[in-house]
Protein backbone atom coordinates (compact mmCIF):
# COMPACT_ATOMS: atom_id res chain seq x y z
CA UNK A 1 25.85 16.53 -13.42
CA UNK A 2 25.15 12.54 -14.04
CA UNK A 3 23.68 10.46 -11.17
CA UNK A 4 25.97 7.84 -10.32
CA UNK A 5 23.54 5.04 -10.00
CA UNK A 6 21.12 5.26 -13.23
CA UNK A 7 18.53 3.85 -11.03
CA UNK A 8 18.21 6.70 -8.90
CA UNK A 9 15.53 8.49 -10.51
CA UNK A 10 13.30 5.12 -10.30
CA UNK A 11 13.87 5.05 -6.49
CA UNK A 12 12.98 8.92 -6.14
CA UNK A 13 10.00 8.28 -8.63
CA UNK A 14 8.90 5.35 -6.36
CA UNK A 15 9.25 7.01 -3.10
CA UNK A 16 7.35 10.12 -3.90
CA UNK A 17 4.48 7.85 -5.42
CA UNK A 18 4.33 5.97 -2.08
CA UNK A 19 4.14 9.35 -0.27
CA UNK A 20 1.40 10.64 -2.12
CA UNK A 21 -0.30 7.30 -1.67
CA UNK A 22 0.24 7.31 2.29
CA UNK A 23 -1.34 10.82 2.44
CA UNK A 24 -4.08 9.78 0.44
CA UNK A 25 -7.45 7.37 1.90
CA UNK A 26 -6.24 3.88 1.35
CA UNK A 27 -9.73 2.30 1.44
CA UNK A 28 -12.22 2.65 -0.79
CA UNK A 29 -15.74 2.17 0.76
CA UNK A 30 -17.59 -0.05 -1.78
CA UNK A 31 -21.77 -0.30 -2.04
CA UNK A 32 -23.81 -3.45 -1.31
CA UNK A 33 -25.22 -4.97 -4.36
CA UNK A 34 -29.03 -4.82 -4.31
CA UNK A 35 -28.98 -9.03 -5.41
CA UNK A 36 -26.78 -10.18 -2.17
CA UNK A 37 -28.09 -9.98 1.12
CA UNK A 38 -25.92 -8.17 3.67
CA UNK A 39 -25.28 -8.68 7.57
CA UNK A 40 -25.06 -4.79 8.26
CA UNK A 41 -22.32 -3.56 9.20
CA UNK A 42 -20.58 -6.63 9.07
CA UNK A 43 -21.19 -7.10 5.34
CA UNK A 44 -19.60 -3.50 4.56
CA UNK A 45 -16.33 -3.98 7.03
CA UNK A 46 -15.55 -7.33 4.84
CA UNK A 47 -15.56 -5.36 1.91
CA UNK A 48 -13.56 -2.78 3.21
CA UNK A 49 -11.04 -4.92 4.68
CA UNK A 50 -10.73 -6.97 1.26
CA UNK A 51 -10.16 -3.75 -0.17
CA UNK A 52 -7.30 -2.65 1.89
CA UNK A 53 -6.00 -5.81 1.67
CA UNK A 54 -5.69 -6.07 -2.20
CA UNK A 55 -4.60 -2.37 -2.45
CA UNK A 56 -1.38 -3.42 -0.07
CA UNK A 57 -1.02 -6.65 -2.81
CA UNK A 58 -0.95 -4.32 -5.67
CA UNK A 59 1.37 -2.05 -4.21
CA UNK A 60 3.63 -4.76 -2.61
CA UNK A 61 3.76 -6.24 -6.14
CA UNK A 62 4.83 -3.06 -7.72
CA UNK A 63 7.68 -2.64 -4.87
CA UNK A 64 8.73 -6.23 -5.60
CA UNK A 65 9.22 -5.05 -8.84
CA UNK A 66 10.89 -1.71 -8.24
CA UNK A 67 13.19 -3.53 -6.00
CA UNK A 68 14.21 -5.88 -8.58
CA UNK A 69 15.43 -3.42 -11.24
CA UNK A 70 17.25 -1.20 -8.29
CA UNK A 71 18.82 -3.92 -7.41
CA UNK A 72 19.77 -5.13 -11.15
CA UNK A 73 20.96 -1.52 -11.52
CA UNK A 74 23.29 -1.48 -8.78
CA UNK A 75 25.60 -3.69 -10.98
CA UNK A 76 26.91 -5.65 -8.19
CA UNK A 77 27.99 -2.38 -6.28
CA UNK A 78 27.11 -3.52 -2.49
CA UNK A 79 26.80 0.18 -1.47
CA UNK A 80 24.05 0.49 -3.67
CA UNK A 81 22.58 -3.00 -3.20
CA UNK A 82 22.33 -2.14 1.17
CA UNK A 83 20.74 1.33 0.22
CA UNK A 84 18.23 -0.65 -1.89
CA UNK A 85 17.43 -2.91 0.64
CA UNK A 86 17.02 -0.23 3.39
CA UNK A 87 14.63 1.70 1.14
CA UNK A 88 12.53 -1.73 -0.04
CA UNK A 89 12.42 -2.55 3.75
CA UNK A 90 11.29 1.03 4.58
CA UNK A 91 8.78 0.97 1.83
CA UNK A 92 7.09 -2.46 2.77
CA UNK A 93 7.17 -1.33 6.44
CA UNK A 94 5.11 2.05 5.20
CA UNK A 95 2.73 -0.45 3.02
CA UNK A 96 1.96 -2.56 6.02
CA UNK A 97 1.01 0.24 8.16
CA UNK A 98 -0.88 1.93 5.74
CA UNK A 99 -2.96 -1.26 5.39
CA UNK A 100 -3.29 -2.11 9.43
CA UNK A 101 -4.56 1.59 9.28
CA UNK A 102 -6.97 1.07 6.50
CA UNK A 103 -8.47 -2.08 8.40
CA UNK A 104 -8.53 -0.48 11.27
CA UNK A 105 -10.70 2.60 9.81
CA UNK A 106 -12.88 -0.30 8.00
CA UNK A 107 -13.47 -1.77 11.42
CA UNK A 108 -14.22 1.50 13.06
CA UNK A 109 -16.43 3.33 10.87
CA UNK A 110 -18.76 5.73 12.77
CA UNK A 111 -22.17 7.13 12.08
CA UNK A 112 -23.32 3.86 9.92
CA UNK A 113 -26.55 3.91 11.27
CA UNK A 114 -26.52 0.35 12.77
CA UNK A 115 -25.77 1.08 16.55
CA UNK A 116 -28.35 -0.08 18.69
CA UNK A 117 -29.37 -3.24 16.61
C-alpha cells in the first residue's frame, strides 16, 4: 500500500531519531585542558551547559530542515500542513525540554569533590 504523503517515512524516521536522542544522555562531560586555569565546578558547568546548548541548536537546525522538506512534500494539502506543524511544534518542545534537563544535570553534578571549598 502506498502512502498518501511521500514524506511520511521522513517524519517517522525523524521522530524515531528524536525519541532515541531523548532517551540517551544529552550532555557530554568535557575534560578541562591543562593549559587553561579553571574555577573548579563553575568552569566545567559552563562547558557542560554550552555543550547542551550546542546539541540543542544542532538538533533544532536538523528539525527545521526536516520541517521545511515535509511542508514542501505536502503540496498545499492543508491537513498535511497542519499535521506537520503539530509534529514540528512537538519536536521543538521536546528538544527544548531535553536541553533544559541537560543544563539542570550540569548544574547539579554530585560527587565532584569540590564540596566544602
